[in-house]
C-alpha atoms as a PDB file:
ATOM      1  CA  MET A   1       9.120  14.303  -7.455  1.00  0.00           C
ATOM      2  CA  ASN A   2       9.434  11.126  -5.448  1.00  0.00           C
ATOM      3  CA  ASP A   3       8.999   7.739  -7.068  1.00  0.00           C
ATOM      4  CA  LYS A   4       7.267   6.109  -4.096  1.00  0.00           C
ATOM      5  CA  GLY A   5       3.609   5.487  -3.401  1.00  0.00           C
ATOM      6  CA  VAL A   6       1.782   4.584  -0.216  1.00  0.00           C
ATOM      7  CA  ILE A   7      -1.412   2.629   0.398  1.00  0.00           C
ATOM      8  CA  LEU A   8      -3.361   3.248   3.591  1.00  0.00           C
ATOM      9  CA  PHE A   9      -5.610   0.525   4.979  1.00  0.00           C
ATOM     10  CA  HIS A  10      -8.360   0.448   7.590  1.00  0.00           C
ATOM     11  CA  THR A  11      -6.918  -2.544   9.473  1.00  0.00           C
ATOM     12  CA  THR A  12      -3.570  -4.097  10.260  1.00  0.00           C
ATOM     13  CA  ALA A  13      -4.889  -7.453   9.011  1.00  0.00           C
ATOM     14  CA  ALA A  14      -5.499  -5.945   5.561  1.00  0.00           C
ATOM     15  CA  VAL A  15      -1.984  -4.478   5.512  1.00  0.00           C
ATOM     16  CA  MET A  16      -0.472  -7.860   6.332  1.00  0.00           C
ATOM     17  CA  ARG A  17      -2.535  -9.648   3.672  1.00  0.00           C
ATOM     18  CA  ALA A  18      -1.608  -7.034   1.068  1.00  0.00           C
ATOM     19  CA  GLU A  19       2.084  -7.231   1.954  1.00  0.00           C
ATOM     20  CA  LYS A  20       2.070 -11.019   1.592  1.00  0.00           C
ATOM     21  CA  LEU A  21       0.185 -10.810  -1.714  1.00  0.00           C
ATOM     22  CA  LEU A  22       2.458  -8.170  -3.242  1.00  0.00           C
ATOM     23  CA  LEU A  23       5.707  -9.752  -2.074  1.00  0.00           C
ATOM     24  CA  GLY A  24       4.471 -13.092  -3.430  1.00  0.00           C
ATOM     25  CA  LYS A  25       4.099 -11.449  -6.847  1.00  0.00           C
ATOM     26  CA  GLY A  26       7.625 -10.054  -6.698  1.00  0.00           C
ATOM     27  CA  ILE A  27       6.671  -6.450  -5.979  1.00  0.00           C
ATOM     28  CA  LYS A  28       9.040  -4.603  -3.681  1.00  0.00           C
ATOM     29  CA  VAL A  29       7.090  -3.163  -0.724  1.00  0.00           C
ATOM     30  CA  LYS A  30       7.944  -1.803   2.695  1.00  0.00           C
ATOM     31  CA  LEU A  31       5.797  -1.399   5.807  1.00  0.00           C
ATOM     32  CA  ILE A  32       5.967   2.162   7.116  1.00  0.00           C
ATOM     33  CA  PRO A  33       4.066   4.391   9.556  1.00  0.00           C
ATOM     34  CA  PRO A  34       1.379   6.315   7.660  1.00  0.00           C
ATOM     35  CA  PRO A  35       2.703   9.720   6.577  1.00  0.00           C
ATOM     36  CA  ARG A  36       1.313  12.525   8.756  1.00  0.00           C
ATOM     37  CA  GLN A  37      -0.236  14.377   5.835  1.00  0.00           C
ATOM     38  CA  PHE A  38      -2.594  11.438   5.200  1.00  0.00           C
ATOM     39  CA  SER A  39      -5.086  10.094   7.707  1.00  0.00           C
ATOM     40  CA  SER A  40      -5.432   6.432   8.527  1.00  0.00           C
ATOM     41  CA  ASP A  41      -7.255   4.269  11.054  1.00  0.00           C
ATOM     42  CA  CYS A  42      -4.356   1.854  10.952  1.00  0.00           C
ATOM     43  CA  GLY A  43      -0.831   2.453  12.258  1.00  0.00           C
ATOM     44  CA  ILE A  44       0.874   0.758   9.306  1.00  0.00           C
ATOM     45  CA  ALA A  45       0.944   1.584   5.595  1.00  0.00           C
ATOM     46  CA  ILE A  46       2.558  -0.042   2.559  1.00  0.00           C
ATOM     47  CA  GLN A  47       5.147   1.848   0.560  1.00  0.00           C
ATOM     48  CA  PHE A  48       5.833   0.760  -3.025  1.00  0.00           C
ATOM     49  CA  GLU A  49       7.525   1.952  -6.196  1.00  0.00           C
ATOM     50  CA  TRP A  50       5.171   4.390  -7.970  1.00  0.00           C
ATOM     51  CA  ALA A  51       6.075   2.770 -11.300  1.00  0.00           C
ATOM     52  CA  ASP A  52       4.352  -0.404  -9.994  1.00  0.00           C
ATOM     53  CA  LYS A  53       1.104   1.425  -9.117  1.00  0.00           C
ATOM     54  CA  ASP A  54      -1.069  -0.113 -11.847  1.00  0.00           C
ATOM     55  CA  GLN A  55       0.052  -3.650 -11.024  1.00  0.00           C
ATOM     56  CA  VAL A  56      -0.273  -3.054  -7.274  1.00  0.00           C
ATOM     57  CA  MET A  57      -3.804  -1.693  -7.598  1.00  0.00           C
ATOM     58  CA  GLN A  58      -4.853  -4.495  -9.952  1.00  0.00           C
ATOM     59  CA  LEU A  59      -3.652  -7.139  -7.480  1.00  0.00           C
ATOM     60  CA  ILE A  60      -5.282  -5.385  -4.518  1.00  0.00           C
ATOM     61  CA  SER A  61      -8.588  -5.080  -6.403  1.00  0.00           C
ATOM     62  CA  LYS A  62      -8.576  -8.714  -7.566  1.00  0.00           C
ATOM     63  CA  SER A  63      -7.975  -9.915  -4.016  1.00  0.00           C
ATOM     64  CA  SER A  64     -10.919  -7.862  -2.677  1.00  0.00           C
ATOM     65  CA  LEU A  65      -8.733  -6.182  -0.074  1.00  0.00           C
ATOM     66  CA  GLU A  66     -10.324  -3.033   1.280  1.00  0.00           C
ATOM     67  CA  TYR A  67      -8.010  -0.053   1.439  1.00  0.00           C
ATOM     68  CA  GLU A  68      -8.488   3.539   2.528  1.00  0.00           C
ATOM     69  CA  SER A  69      -6.468   5.464  -0.070  1.00  0.00           C
ATOM     70  CA  VAL A  70      -3.434   5.537  -2.368  1.00  0.00           C
ATOM     71  CA  HIS A  71      -1.039   8.470  -2.569  1.00  0.00           C
ATOM     72  CA  GLN A  72       2.113   9.436  -4.400  1.00  0.00           C
ATOM     73  CA  MET A  73       4.764  10.596  -1.971  1.00  0.00           C
ATOM     74  CA  SER A  74       6.105  14.107  -2.479  1.00  0.00           C
END
């Protein structure tokens, strides 16, 4: 099993805001094309360490960023 997660967003602006927020909190993230097995309106997704999922989701929720979905990569 892979130890990466991915968050899909509806807009590029939301991706950029989320990246800035997460990096500012010291969470390692990477911008990637959305994996083919998941759908997305946006051409960019955020990849993160799955072990950080709870912290990532808490920060995203507190910042009122709208996201499409969260998936564990396999």
